[in-house]
Amino acid sequence: MPRLTIGTEPIQVAWLNNKRFSLSVQHLPSSIYAGNTGLIFGKFGSAPKADTASNTWDFVLTSGSADGTNINENLPEAPDKRDLWLISDTAAQIVNVIEKNRNEAGAPQT
């Protein structure tokens, strides 16, 4: 996927995918995008709240960090194949979202 802009309203960035091998989200560093100083909250299966005190998120990204499912590709498939939602506590945060799928033979493909 291309670079996406995440704001203060939740956005779905990946959909339910039973062939998912891996999915990663990188919050681009502020050295590349000066405005990337907020937090990105990610949640599989439903939209999270942009609040560090809530329990509605699966991961939180700071500028320059990345997270997701099976990022290091150590597993034969992604452990979570549900849709992925992102929201930020700050407007206009830029992220990369990369999803890889398994082909019919089970090998990963982009």
N, C-alpha and C. Protein backbone atom coordinates (compact mmCIF):
# COMPACT_ATOMS: atom_id res chain seq x y z
N MET A 1 0.84 -1.18 0.00
CA MET A 1 0.00 0.00 0.00
C MET A 1 0.88 1.25 0.00
N PRO A 2 0.34 2.32 -0.50
CA PRO A 2 1.08 3.57 -0.48
C PRO A 2 1.09 4.19 0.91
N ARG A 3 1.72 5.31 1.01
CA ARG A 3 1.69 6.07 2.26
C ARG A 3 0.28 6.59 2.50
N LEU A 4 -0.14 6.53 3.74
CA LEU A 4 -1.47 6.97 4.13
C LEU A 4 -1.38 8.06 5.17
N THR A 5 -2.36 8.94 5.18
CA THR A 5 -2.45 9.98 6.19
C THR A 5 -3.48 9.57 7.22
N ILE A 6 -3.06 9.52 8.48
CA ILE A 6 -3.93 9.13 9.58
C ILE A 6 -4.23 10.38 10.40
N GLY A 7 -5.51 10.57 10.69
CA GLY A 7 -5.91 11.73 11.47
C GLY A 7 -6.59 11.34 12.76
N THR A 8 -7.43 12.21 13.26
CA THR A 8 -8.05 12.02 14.56
C THR A 8 -9.38 11.26 14.48
N GLU A 9 -9.74 10.79 13.29
CA GLU A 9 -10.88 9.89 13.11
C GLU A 9 -10.34 8.53 12.67
N PRO A 10 -10.90 7.43 13.18
CA PRO A 10 -10.40 6.11 12.81
C PRO A 10 -10.54 5.84 11.31
N ILE A 11 -9.55 5.13 10.76
CA ILE A 11 -9.57 4.76 9.35
C ILE A 11 -9.18 3.29 9.23
N GLN A 12 -9.91 2.56 8.40
CA GLN A 12 -9.58 1.17 8.15
C GLN A 12 -8.50 1.12 7.08
N VAL A 13 -7.37 0.47 7.38
CA VAL A 13 -6.25 0.43 6.45
C VAL A 13 -6.00 -0.96 5.87
N ALA A 14 -6.63 -1.99 6.44
CA ALA A 14 -6.53 -3.35 5.92
C ALA A 14 -7.85 -4.06 6.22
N TRP A 15 -8.21 -4.99 5.36
CA TRP A 15 -9.47 -5.69 5.49
C TRP A 15 -9.23 -7.15 5.86
N LEU A 16 -10.25 -7.82 6.36
CA LEU A 16 -10.16 -9.24 6.69
C LEU A 16 -9.52 -9.97 5.52
N ASN A 17 -8.49 -10.78 5.81
CA ASN A 17 -7.73 -11.42 4.75
C ASN A 17 -7.21 -12.76 5.25
N ASN A 18 -7.84 -13.85 4.81
CA ASN A 18 -7.44 -15.18 5.26
C ASN A 18 -6.14 -15.65 4.63
N LYS A 19 -5.64 -14.96 3.62
CA LYS A 19 -4.35 -15.32 3.00
C LYS A 19 -3.21 -14.45 3.50
N ARG A 20 -3.45 -13.64 4.52
CA ARG A 20 -2.42 -12.72 5.01
C ARG A 20 -1.22 -13.49 5.57
N PHE A 21 -0.03 -13.11 5.10
CA PHE A 21 1.22 -13.66 5.62
C PHE A 21 1.81 -12.70 6.65
N SER A 22 1.77 -11.41 6.36
CA SER A 22 2.24 -10.41 7.31
C SER A 22 1.59 -9.07 7.00
N LEU A 23 1.57 -8.22 8.01
CA LEU A 23 1.03 -6.88 7.88
C LEU A 23 1.83 -5.98 8.80
N SER A 24 2.33 -4.88 8.27
CA SER A 24 3.10 -3.97 9.11
C SER A 24 2.70 -2.53 8.85
N VAL A 25 2.84 -1.74 9.91
CA VAL A 25 2.57 -0.31 9.85
C VAL A 25 3.80 0.40 10.37
N GLN A 26 4.33 1.34 9.59
CA GLN A 26 5.46 2.15 10.05
C GLN A 26 5.02 3.60 10.10
N HIS A 27 5.21 4.21 11.28
CA HIS A 27 4.96 5.65 11.45
C HIS A 27 6.25 6.34 11.02
N LEU A 28 6.22 7.00 9.89
CA LEU A 28 7.44 7.58 9.35
C LEU A 28 8.04 8.60 10.32
N PRO A 29 9.37 8.63 10.41
CA PRO A 29 10.02 9.50 11.40
C PRO A 29 9.84 10.98 11.10
N SER A 30 9.89 11.77 12.14
CA SER A 30 9.75 13.23 11.98
C SER A 30 10.91 13.83 11.21
N SER A 31 12.01 13.09 11.06
CA SER A 31 13.12 13.59 10.24
C SER A 31 12.74 13.56 8.75
N ILE A 32 11.75 12.76 8.38
CA ILE A 32 11.26 12.72 6.99
C ILE A 32 10.03 13.61 6.84
N TYR A 33 9.09 13.48 7.78
CA TYR A 33 7.89 14.33 7.82
C TYR A 33 7.88 15.07 9.14
N ALA A 34 8.20 16.35 9.09
CA ALA A 34 8.36 17.15 10.32
C ALA A 34 7.13 17.11 11.21
N GLY A 35 5.95 16.96 10.64
CA GLY A 35 4.72 16.96 11.43
C GLY A 35 4.40 15.63 12.09
N ASN A 36 5.18 14.60 11.83
CA ASN A 36 4.93 13.28 12.41
C ASN A 36 5.43 13.22 13.85
N THR A 37 4.73 13.87 14.74
CA THR A 37 5.13 13.91 16.14
C THR A 37 4.10 13.31 17.07
N GLY A 38 2.97 12.88 16.52
CA GLY A 38 1.90 12.31 17.34
C GLY A 38 2.04 10.82 17.56
N LEU A 39 1.02 10.25 18.17
CA LEU A 39 0.94 8.81 18.39
C LEU A 39 -0.08 8.21 17.43
N ILE A 40 0.20 7.00 16.94
CA ILE A 40 -0.72 6.24 16.11
C ILE A 40 -1.17 5.03 16.92
N PHE A 41 -2.47 4.83 17.03
CA PHE A 41 -3.04 3.70 17.75
C PHE A 41 -3.62 2.72 16.74
N GLY A 42 -3.27 1.44 16.86
CA GLY A 42 -3.74 0.42 15.94
C GLY A 42 -4.55 -0.65 16.65
N LYS A 43 -5.57 -1.15 15.97
CA LYS A 43 -6.44 -2.18 16.55
C LYS A 43 -6.92 -3.11 15.44
N PHE A 44 -6.79 -4.42 15.68
CA PHE A 44 -7.34 -5.42 14.77
C PHE A 44 -8.79 -5.70 15.14
N GLY A 45 -9.66 -5.69 14.15
CA GLY A 45 -11.05 -6.07 14.36
C GLY A 45 -12.02 -4.95 14.65
N SER A 46 -11.55 -3.80 15.12
CA SER A 46 -12.43 -2.66 15.39
C SER A 46 -11.59 -1.40 15.54
N ALA A 47 -12.27 -0.28 15.54
CA ALA A 47 -11.57 1.01 15.63
C ALA A 47 -11.14 1.30 17.07
N PRO A 48 -9.89 1.73 17.27
CA PRO A 48 -9.42 2.09 18.60
C PRO A 48 -9.74 3.54 18.94
N LYS A 49 -9.51 3.90 20.19
CA LYS A 49 -9.56 5.30 20.61
C LYS A 49 -8.13 5.82 20.68
N ALA A 50 -7.94 7.09 20.42
CA ALA A 50 -6.63 7.72 20.50
C ALA A 50 -6.39 8.19 21.92
N ASP A 51 -6.18 7.23 22.81
CA ASP A 51 -6.04 7.53 24.24
C ASP A 51 -5.14 6.47 24.88
N THR A 52 -4.01 6.89 25.41
CA THR A 52 -3.08 5.94 26.03
C THR A 52 -3.66 5.29 27.27
N ALA A 53 -4.66 5.91 27.88
CA ALA A 53 -5.26 5.36 29.09
C ALA A 53 -6.35 4.34 28.80
N SER A 54 -6.75 4.19 27.54
CA SER A 54 -7.81 3.23 27.21
C SER A 54 -7.20 1.86 26.93
N ASN A 55 -8.05 0.86 26.88
CA ASN A 55 -7.58 -0.48 26.52
C ASN A 55 -8.18 -0.88 25.18
N THR A 56 -8.41 0.10 24.31
CA THR A 56 -9.07 -0.16 23.03
C THR A 56 -8.09 -0.36 21.88
N TRP A 57 -6.80 -0.40 22.13
CA TRP A 57 -5.82 -0.53 21.05
C TRP A 57 -4.94 -1.77 21.28
N ASP A 58 -4.39 -2.28 20.16
CA ASP A 58 -3.46 -3.42 20.20
C ASP A 58 -2.01 -2.95 20.20
N PHE A 59 -1.73 -1.80 19.58
CA PHE A 59 -0.37 -1.26 19.59
C PHE A 59 -0.42 0.26 19.42
N VAL A 60 0.67 0.90 19.87
CA VAL A 60 0.81 2.35 19.74
C VAL A 60 2.17 2.63 19.09
N LEU A 61 2.17 3.49 18.10
CA LEU A 61 3.41 3.83 17.40
C LEU A 61 3.81 5.27 17.68
N THR A 62 5.08 5.48 17.96
CA THR A 62 5.65 6.81 18.04
C THR A 62 6.37 7.08 16.72
N SER A 63 6.81 8.28 16.51
CA SER A 63 7.49 8.64 15.28
C SER A 63 8.68 7.72 15.02
N GLY A 64 8.69 7.10 13.85
CA GLY A 64 9.79 6.22 13.46
C GLY A 64 9.63 4.77 13.84
N SER A 65 8.59 4.41 14.58
CA SER A 65 8.44 3.02 15.01
C SER A 65 7.52 2.24 14.07
N ALA A 66 7.53 0.92 14.22
CA ALA A 66 6.71 0.04 13.39
C ALA A 66 6.16 -1.10 14.23
N ASP A 67 5.04 -1.65 13.79
CA ASP A 67 4.43 -2.80 14.46
C ASP A 67 3.49 -3.47 13.48
N GLY A 68 2.94 -4.57 13.88
CA GLY A 68 2.01 -5.30 13.04
C GLY A 68 1.96 -6.75 13.43
N THR A 69 1.79 -7.60 12.44
CA THR A 69 1.65 -9.03 12.68
C THR A 69 2.60 -9.81 11.78
N ASN A 70 3.42 -10.66 12.37
CA ASN A 70 4.41 -11.48 11.66
C ASN A 70 5.40 -10.60 10.88
N ILE A 71 5.81 -9.50 11.47
CA ILE A 71 6.73 -8.56 10.78
C ILE A 71 8.04 -9.23 10.42
N ASN A 72 8.60 -10.01 11.32
CA ASN A 72 9.89 -10.67 11.06
C ASN A 72 9.74 -11.94 10.24
N GLU A 73 8.49 -12.27 9.88
CA GLU A 73 8.19 -13.43 9.03
C GLU A 73 8.71 -14.72 9.61
N ASN A 74 8.64 -14.86 10.95
CA ASN A 74 9.08 -16.09 11.62
C ASN A 74 8.00 -17.16 11.63
N LEU A 75 6.77 -16.79 11.37
CA LEU A 75 5.65 -17.72 11.42
C LEU A 75 5.21 -18.08 10.00
N PRO A 76 4.55 -19.23 9.82
CA PRO A 76 4.10 -19.61 8.48
C PRO A 76 2.97 -18.74 7.95
N GLU A 77 2.28 -18.03 8.86
CA GLU A 77 1.23 -17.11 8.44
C GLU A 77 1.01 -16.07 9.52
N ALA A 78 0.32 -15.03 9.19
CA ALA A 78 0.03 -13.97 10.15
C ALA A 78 -0.92 -14.50 11.22
N PRO A 79 -0.65 -14.24 12.50
CA PRO A 79 -1.54 -14.72 13.56
C PRO A 79 -2.85 -13.95 13.63
N ASP A 80 -2.93 -12.78 13.04
CA ASP A 80 -4.17 -12.00 13.07
C ASP A 80 -4.53 -11.60 11.65
N LYS A 81 -5.68 -12.05 11.18
CA LYS A 81 -6.09 -11.80 9.81
C LYS A 81 -7.28 -10.87 9.72
N ARG A 82 -7.66 -10.29 10.86
CA ARG A 82 -8.80 -9.37 10.88
C ARG A 82 -8.44 -8.03 10.24
N ASP A 83 -9.45 -7.19 10.05
CA ASP A 83 -9.22 -5.85 9.53
C ASP A 83 -8.40 -5.04 10.53
N LEU A 84 -7.69 -4.05 10.04
CA LEU A 84 -6.84 -3.20 10.88
C LEU A 84 -7.30 -1.76 10.76
N TRP A 85 -7.47 -1.13 11.93
CA TRP A 85 -7.89 0.27 12.02
C TRP A 85 -6.78 1.08 12.69
N LEU A 86 -6.61 2.32 12.24
CA LEU A 86 -5.64 3.24 12.83
C LEU A 86 -6.32 4.56 13.15
N ILE A 87 -5.81 5.23 14.17
CA ILE A 87 -6.24 6.58 14.53
C ILE A 87 -5.04 7.26 15.18
N SER A 88 -4.99 8.57 15.11
CA SER A 88 -3.90 9.33 15.73
C SER A 88 -4.45 10.34 16.73
N ASP A 89 -3.60 10.73 17.67
CA ASP A 89 -3.98 11.80 18.59
C ASP A 89 -3.64 13.17 18.00
N THR A 90 -3.03 13.17 16.81
CA THR A 90 -2.60 14.39 16.13
C THR A 90 -2.99 14.29 14.65
N ALA A 91 -3.43 15.36 14.06
CA ALA A 91 -3.84 15.35 12.66
C ALA A 91 -2.67 15.09 11.72
N ALA A 92 -2.98 14.47 10.59
CA ALA A 92 -2.07 14.33 9.44
C ALA A 92 -0.75 13.63 9.76
N GLN A 93 -0.83 12.44 10.33
CA GLN A 93 0.36 11.61 10.57
C GLN A 93 0.52 10.67 9.38
N ILE A 94 1.74 10.54 8.87
CA ILE A 94 2.00 9.75 7.66
C ILE A 94 2.54 8.37 8.06
N VAL A 95 1.93 7.31 7.49
CA VAL A 95 2.35 5.93 7.76
C VAL A 95 2.52 5.17 6.45
N ASN A 96 3.31 4.10 6.50
CA ASN A 96 3.36 3.09 5.45
C ASN A 96 2.66 1.86 5.98
N VAL A 97 1.79 1.27 5.18
CA VAL A 97 1.12 0.02 5.54
C VAL A 97 1.49 -1.00 4.47
N ILE A 98 2.11 -2.12 4.88
CA ILE A 98 2.55 -3.14 3.93
C ILE A 98 1.93 -4.47 4.33
N GLU A 99 1.20 -5.07 3.40
CA GLU A 99 0.58 -6.37 3.63
C GLU A 99 1.13 -7.36 2.61
N LYS A 100 1.51 -8.55 3.10
CA LYS A 100 1.95 -9.63 2.22
C LYS A 100 0.97 -10.78 2.39
N ASN A 101 0.67 -11.46 1.29
CA ASN A 101 -0.23 -12.60 1.29
C ASN A 101 0.51 -13.88 0.93
N ARG A 102 -0.12 -15.02 1.27
CA ARG A 102 0.40 -16.32 0.84
C ARG A 102 -0.18 -16.63 -0.52
N ASN A 103 0.62 -17.22 -1.39
CA ASN A 103 0.08 -17.67 -2.67
C ASN A 103 -0.51 -19.07 -2.47
N GLU A 104 -1.01 -19.69 -3.51
CA GLU A 104 -1.67 -20.99 -3.39
C GLU A 104 -0.73 -22.08 -2.84
N ALA A 105 0.58 -21.96 -3.11
CA ALA A 105 1.55 -22.93 -2.61
C ALA A 105 1.97 -22.65 -1.17
N GLY A 106 1.50 -21.55 -0.62
CA GLY A 106 1.82 -21.21 0.76
C GLY A 106 3.00 -20.27 0.93
N ALA A 107 3.66 -19.91 -0.18
CA ALA A 107 4.81 -19.01 -0.11
C ALA A 107 4.32 -17.56 -0.02
N PRO A 108 5.06 -16.70 0.71
CA PRO A 108 4.65 -15.30 0.79
C PRO A 108 4.81 -14.57 -0.54
N GLN A 109 3.93 -13.64 -0.77
CA GLN A 109 4.03 -12.77 -1.95
C GLN A 109 3.53 -11.40 -1.58
N THR A 110 4.04 -10.37 -2.24
CA THR A 110 3.60 -9.01 -1.94
C THR A 110 2.49 -8.59 -2.86
